[in-house]
Amino acid sequence: MGFYAANEAKEMGAKLQIYTDVKRVLVENGKAVGVYAEDVKTGEQLEIRGNVVVLSAGGPGSALILMHSGIQKAGMRCFGDPAFGSWGVLPEGSKLKSHFYEHGTSTAWFDDEHGCLFYTNVSWTRSFWTMYHIMGGIRKALDIYKYFPRMISLSNKIHDEGVGRITWDGRVSKTVTPHDEELLNYSRSINEKVLLGMGCDPGNIHHTGFSHIKGDLTFGHPGGTNPVGVVVDNNLETEFKNCFVCDISSLPAAPARPPVLTLVTLTKWFIPRLLERVNGAAKKN
């Protein structure tokens, strides 16, 4: 998708500069006039000028650029769409069949009241799923390897409270709050009821996503680091005139679901308004 978008942009006159790391926004008299960057291959320092700057470097990346540009509120919060799941083992001879080899998500349901997403049939290989659970002990990993053909998995994302930040060197520091823990436990309880209803062995139902186990809770979509109303306004513009942020970092709250369609919609809303502004400024000049 990115390949085709890049080619389309080039056909329309854009210049694609790969291996170029943007460091901060170039600001003159409170107005963005370009960016400072570095050629990561040669180390050459670059000054790239333009009438408008649109940051789309993702949750950590866009926040880091604005932080280094002097915007103090950038990167001071961060949601992560915490992802986790549960799995059980179907009894031998069950008429139900595991679809663990199926790619993608075949069924999903969003619990709007609690802010939790439930989905099924994420594609994992036997070896990957076994290695992933070694942190829970060799016995658990061996059980997974043994029962893999009869395993049923349910996966989840929650609407976390967004407590976290981006550090000065670009790392993500994330906290799971007590409310987040409540949503994790609620989701696990629903998963267990579903797995038991499918006939899984009550003694062989397991849950991932315990935040006290290092690496067992995945933060899949870090964002909200430059939220609307805090770092950008309703037009996605920062305190620097003509400097905008259009990516997951500008979302005010966690979507608790894959954000692709949200971001596509956001972009389709933003681009016509940006062009109208740029063309209007060009006519005045």
Protein backbone atom coordinates (compact mmCIF):
# COMPACT_ATOMS: atom_id res chain seq x y z
CA MET A 1 0.00 0.00 0.00
CA GLY A 2 2.81 2.40 0.92
CA PHE A 3 4.66 1.52 -2.29
CA TYR A 4 1.70 2.48 -4.50
CA ALA A 5 1.04 5.65 -2.50
CA ALA A 6 4.68 6.71 -2.88
CA ASN A 7 4.61 6.11 -6.63
CA GLU A 8 1.37 8.05 -6.99
CA ALA A 9 2.86 10.95 -5.04
CA LYS A 10 5.93 10.97 -7.30
CA GLU A 11 3.73 10.99 -10.40
CA MET A 12 2.02 14.09 -9.02
CA GLY A 13 5.35 15.88 -8.56
CA ALA A 14 6.43 14.89 -5.07
CA LYS A 15 10.09 14.30 -4.33
CA LEU A 16 10.64 11.20 -2.23
CA GLN A 17 13.71 11.43 0.02
CA ILE A 18 14.43 8.04 1.56
CA TYR A 19 17.13 7.47 4.19
CA THR A 20 16.29 10.92 5.53
CA ASP A 21 15.67 11.34 9.27
CA VAL A 22 13.70 14.46 10.20
CA LYS A 23 15.01 15.91 13.46
CA ARG A 24 12.90 19.01 14.10
CA VAL A 25 10.71 21.64 12.49
CA LEU A 26 12.35 24.74 11.08
CA VAL A 27 10.46 27.72 12.55
CA GLU A 28 10.85 31.39 11.69
CA ASN A 29 8.73 34.05 13.43
CA GLY A 30 6.38 31.41 14.78
CA LYS A 31 5.79 29.90 11.36
CA ALA A 32 6.95 26.50 10.07
CA VAL A 33 9.06 26.95 6.95
CA GLY A 34 10.56 23.47 6.65
CA VAL A 35 12.46 20.82 8.61
CA TYR A 36 15.97 20.04 9.74
CA ALA A 37 16.96 16.50 8.75
CA GLU A 38 19.91 14.16 8.41
CA ASP A 39 20.94 11.80 5.63
CA VAL A 40 21.31 8.56 7.60
CA LYS A 41 23.77 7.14 5.08
CA THR A 42 26.19 10.04 4.83
CA GLY A 43 25.46 11.98 8.01
CA GLU A 44 24.88 15.12 5.96
CA GLN A 45 22.77 17.75 7.73
CA LEU A 46 19.88 18.93 5.59
CA GLU A 47 17.61 21.95 5.65
CA ILE A 48 14.47 21.21 3.65
CA ARG A 49 12.16 24.18 3.13
CA GLY A 50 8.50 24.31 2.19
CA ASN A 51 5.33 26.32 2.62
CA VAL A 52 3.65 23.67 4.79
CA VAL A 53 4.94 20.93 7.10
CA VAL A 54 2.75 17.86 7.69
CA LEU A 55 4.11 15.36 10.19
CA SER A 56 3.01 11.74 9.72
CA ALA A 57 5.75 9.89 11.57
CA GLY A 58 3.43 7.92 13.85
CA GLY A 59 2.77 8.08 17.57
CA PRO A 60 6.37 8.14 18.83
CA GLY A 61 7.95 9.75 15.75
CA SER A 62 5.76 12.83 15.31
CA ALA A 63 5.85 13.54 19.05
CA LEU A 64 9.64 13.28 19.11
CA ILE A 65 10.00 15.78 16.25
CA LEU A 66 7.72 18.29 17.99
CA MET A 67 9.45 17.75 21.35
CA HIS A 68 12.81 18.56 19.78
CA SER A 69 11.19 21.56 18.08
CA GLY A 70 10.23 23.07 21.43
CA ILE A 71 6.58 22.05 21.87
CA GLN A 72 6.52 21.05 25.52
CA LYS A 73 3.16 19.25 25.58
CA ALA A 74 4.11 16.87 22.78
CA GLY A 75 4.65 13.27 23.85
CA MET A 76 3.35 13.76 27.40
CA ARG A 77 0.66 11.08 27.03
CA CYS A 78 0.38 7.88 25.03
CA PHE A 79 -2.28 5.23 24.47
CA GLY A 80 -1.36 1.79 23.22
CA ASP A 81 -4.42 -0.35 22.44
CA PRO A 82 -3.14 -3.12 24.76
CA ALA A 83 -3.55 -6.48 23.02
CA PHE A 84 -3.78 -9.85 24.77
CA GLY A 85 -5.84 -12.99 24.60
CA SER A 86 -7.00 -16.33 25.91
CA TRP A 87 -6.90 -19.85 24.57
CA GLY A 88 -8.39 -23.21 25.40
CA VAL A 89 -8.20 -26.79 24.19
CA LEU A 90 -11.13 -28.56 22.55
CA PRO A 91 -11.83 -32.12 23.74
CA GLU A 92 -10.69 -35.03 21.60
CA GLY A 93 -13.29 -35.97 19.04
CA SER A 94 -14.98 -32.56 19.20
CA LYS A 95 -17.07 -31.67 16.17
CA LEU A 96 -15.74 -28.15 16.43
CA LYS A 97 -12.52 -27.60 14.52
CA SER A 98 -9.73 -25.21 15.40
CA HIS A 99 -9.01 -22.56 12.76
CA PHE A 100 -5.66 -21.63 14.19
CA TYR A 101 -4.05 -21.77 10.77
CA GLU A 102 -6.55 -19.33 9.29
CA HIS A 103 -5.09 -15.95 8.41
CA GLY A 104 -6.57 -12.74 9.72
CA THR A 105 -9.61 -12.06 11.87
CA SER A 106 -12.79 -13.88 10.88
CA THR A 107 -15.09 -12.58 13.64
CA ALA A 108 -14.98 -9.45 15.79
CA TRP A 109 -17.26 -7.72 18.27
CA PHE A 110 -16.78 -4.36 19.98
CA ASP A 111 -18.17 -3.93 23.47
CA ASP A 112 -18.88 -0.20 23.38
CA GLU A 113 -20.00 -0.09 26.99
CA HIS A 114 -16.63 -1.23 28.29
CA GLY A 115 -14.35 -0.24 25.42
CA CYS A 116 -13.15 -3.76 24.62
CA LEU A 117 -12.64 -5.51 21.27
CA PHE A 118 -13.05 -9.30 20.99
CA TYR A 119 -11.82 -11.08 17.87
CA THR A 120 -10.91 -14.59 16.76
CA ASN A 121 -8.69 -16.66 14.52
CA VAL A 122 -5.48 -14.71 14.48
CA SER A 123 -2.94 -16.59 12.40
CA TRP A 124 -0.02 -18.09 14.37
CA THR A 125 2.26 -20.98 13.53
CA ARG A 126 2.80 -23.83 15.95
CA SER A 127 6.46 -22.96 16.52
CA PHE A 128 5.79 -19.24 17.07
CA TRP A 129 2.91 -19.83 19.50
CA THR A 130 5.06 -22.29 21.47
CA MET A 131 8.05 -19.95 21.71
CA TYR A 132 5.81 -17.01 22.60
CA HIS A 133 4.66 -18.79 25.75
CA ILE A 134 8.04 -20.01 26.97
CA MET A 135 8.02 -17.04 29.37
CA GLY A 136 5.18 -18.83 31.16
CA GLY A 137 7.32 -21.92 31.71
CA ILE A 138 8.55 -24.91 29.75
CA ARG A 139 5.54 -27.00 30.80
CA LYS A 140 3.11 -24.44 29.41
CA ALA A 141 5.07 -24.19 26.14
CA LEU A 142 5.15 -27.98 25.74
CA ASP A 143 1.39 -28.18 26.36
CA ILE A 144 0.82 -25.60 23.65
CA TYR A 145 2.96 -27.56 21.21
CA LYS A 146 1.08 -30.76 22.04
CA TYR A 147 -2.46 -29.38 21.90
CA PHE A 148 -1.97 -26.88 19.09
CA PRO A 149 -4.27 -28.62 16.54
CA ARG A 150 -7.16 -28.47 19.05
CA MET A 151 -6.52 -24.97 20.37
CA ILE A 152 -9.09 -22.17 20.12
CA SER A 153 -7.95 -18.60 20.63
CA LEU A 154 -9.75 -15.36 21.44
CA SER A 155 -7.89 -12.07 21.23
CA ASN A 156 -8.65 -8.65 22.68
CA LYS A 157 -7.82 -4.96 22.65
CA ILE A 158 -8.94 -2.44 25.25
CA HIS A 159 -9.50 1.30 25.33
CA ASP A 160 -6.65 2.20 27.70
CA GLU A 161 -6.47 5.49 29.59
CA GLY A 162 -3.45 6.77 27.68
CA VAL A 163 -1.08 7.10 30.61
CA GLY A 164 2.42 7.14 29.19
CA ARG A 165 4.89 9.36 27.39
CA ILE A 166 7.59 9.54 24.75
CA THR A 167 11.10 10.00 26.14
CA TRP A 168 13.59 12.49 24.73
CA ASP A 169 15.41 9.69 22.87
CA GLY A 170 12.18 8.41 21.28
CA ARG A 171 11.34 5.49 23.55
CA VAL A 172 7.80 4.69 24.68
CA SER A 173 7.16 4.67 28.44
CA LYS A 174 3.75 3.09 29.11
CA THR A 175 1.74 2.55 32.29
CA VAL A 176 -1.18 0.18 32.80
CA THR A 177 -3.61 1.92 35.14
CA PRO A 178 -5.99 0.24 37.64
CA HIS A 179 -8.87 0.98 35.25
CA ASP A 180 -6.92 -0.65 32.42
CA GLU A 181 -6.44 -3.72 34.63
CA GLU A 182 -10.20 -3.86 35.21
CA LEU A 183 -10.82 -3.99 31.46
CA LEU A 184 -8.16 -6.67 31.04
CA ASN A 185 -9.76 -8.84 33.71
CA TYR A 186 -13.27 -8.22 32.33
CA SER A 187 -12.16 -9.33 28.86
CA ARG A 188 -10.49 -12.45 30.25
CA SER A 189 -13.69 -13.38 32.10
CA ILE A 190 -15.76 -13.08 28.91
CA ASN A 191 -13.18 -15.11 26.98
CA GLU A 192 -13.33 -17.86 29.58
CA LYS A 193 -17.13 -18.05 29.39
CA VAL A 194 -16.98 -18.34 25.59
CA LEU A 195 -14.29 -21.04 25.67
CA LEU A 196 -16.17 -23.04 28.30
CA GLY A 197 -19.33 -22.72 26.20
CA MET A 198 -17.45 -24.22 23.27
CA GLY A 199 -16.54 -27.23 25.38
CA CYS A 200 -12.92 -26.44 26.22
CA ASP A 201 -11.36 -28.21 29.19
CA PRO A 202 -11.82 -25.92 32.26
CA GLY A 203 -8.37 -26.91 33.52
CA ASN A 204 -6.69 -26.02 30.25
CA ILE A 205 -7.77 -22.43 29.66
CA HIS A 206 -4.95 -19.88 29.70
CA HIS A 207 -4.72 -16.10 29.47
CA THR A 208 -2.01 -13.79 28.19
CA GLY A 209 -1.72 -10.08 28.83
CA PHE A 210 -0.83 -9.96 32.51
CA SER A 211 1.00 -6.64 32.76
CA HIS A 212 3.28 -7.86 35.54
CA ILE A 213 4.77 -10.46 33.18
CA LYS A 214 7.34 -8.62 31.07
CA GLY A 215 6.54 -8.80 27.38
CA ASP A 216 3.19 -10.57 27.85
CA LEU A 217 1.08 -7.51 27.05
CA THR A 218 1.43 -6.03 23.57
CA PHE A 219 0.92 -2.34 22.84
CA GLY A 220 0.05 -2.47 19.20
CA HIS A 221 -0.85 1.08 18.17
CA PRO A 222 1.00 3.72 20.22
CA GLY A 223 -0.66 7.07 19.61
CA GLY A 224 -2.41 10.04 21.16
CA THR A 225 0.95 11.69 21.75
CA ASN A 226 -0.07 14.93 19.99
CA PRO A 227 -3.81 14.90 20.73
CA VAL A 228 -6.39 17.28 19.34
CA GLY A 229 -7.14 19.95 21.92
CA VAL A 230 -3.71 19.69 23.53
CA VAL A 231 -0.94 19.73 20.91
CA VAL A 232 -2.94 20.32 17.72
CA ASP A 233 -6.18 22.24 17.18
CA ASN A 234 -9.34 21.16 15.36
CA ASN A 235 -7.54 21.70 12.05
CA LEU A 236 -4.64 19.45 13.19
CA GLU A 237 -2.35 22.51 13.31
CA THR A 238 0.29 22.92 16.01
CA GLU A 239 1.26 26.14 17.76
CA PHE A 240 3.60 26.70 14.81
CA LYS A 241 1.58 28.14 11.96
CA ASN A 242 1.52 25.88 8.87
CA CYS A 243 2.81 22.87 10.85
CA PHE A 244 0.25 20.05 10.99
CA VAL A 245 0.10 16.51 12.37
CA CYS A 246 -2.02 13.94 10.54
CA ASP A 247 -1.47 10.46 11.97
CA ILE A 248 -2.36 8.32 14.97
CA SER A 249 -0.54 10.71 17.30
CA SER A 250 -3.27 13.35 16.80
CA LEU A 251 -6.12 11.06 17.92
CA PRO A 252 -7.46 12.20 21.31
CA ALA A 253 -8.24 8.69 22.61
CA ALA A 254 -7.42 5.05 21.96
CA PRO A 255 -9.55 3.45 19.22
CA ALA A 256 -9.19 0.01 20.88
CA ARG A 257 -9.31 -1.54 17.42
CA PRO A 258 -7.11 -1.54 14.30
CA PRO A 259 -6.78 2.17 13.42
CA VAL A 260 -6.27 1.94 9.64
CA LEU A 261 -9.80 2.97 8.58
CA THR A 262 -9.85 5.76 11.16
CA LEU A 263 -6.58 7.15 9.82
CA VAL A 264 -7.69 6.86 6.19
CA THR A 265 -10.87 8.77 7.06
CA LEU A 266 -8.88 11.37 8.99
CA THR A 267 -6.58 11.88 6.00
CA LYS A 268 -9.47 12.20 3.56
CA TRP A 269 -10.99 14.84 5.85
CA PHE A 270 -7.69 16.70 6.28
CA ILE A 271 -6.26 16.88 2.74
CA PRO A 272 -9.07 18.92 1.08
CA ARG A 273 -8.95 21.45 3.93
CA LEU A 274 -5.18 21.71 3.65
CA LEU A 275 -5.34 22.22 -0.12
CA GLU A 276 -8.02 24.86 0.29
CA ARG A 277 -5.80 26.74 2.71
CA VAL A 278 -2.67 26.43 0.60
CA ASN A 279 -4.45 27.44 -2.60
CA GLY A 280 -6.08 30.36 -0.82
CA ALA A 281 -2.71 31.59 0.40
CA ALA A 282 -1.26 31.23 -3.10
CA LYS A 283 -4.03 33.38 -4.59
CA LYS A 284 -3.39 36.14 -2.04
CA ASN A 285 0.27 36.18 -3.01
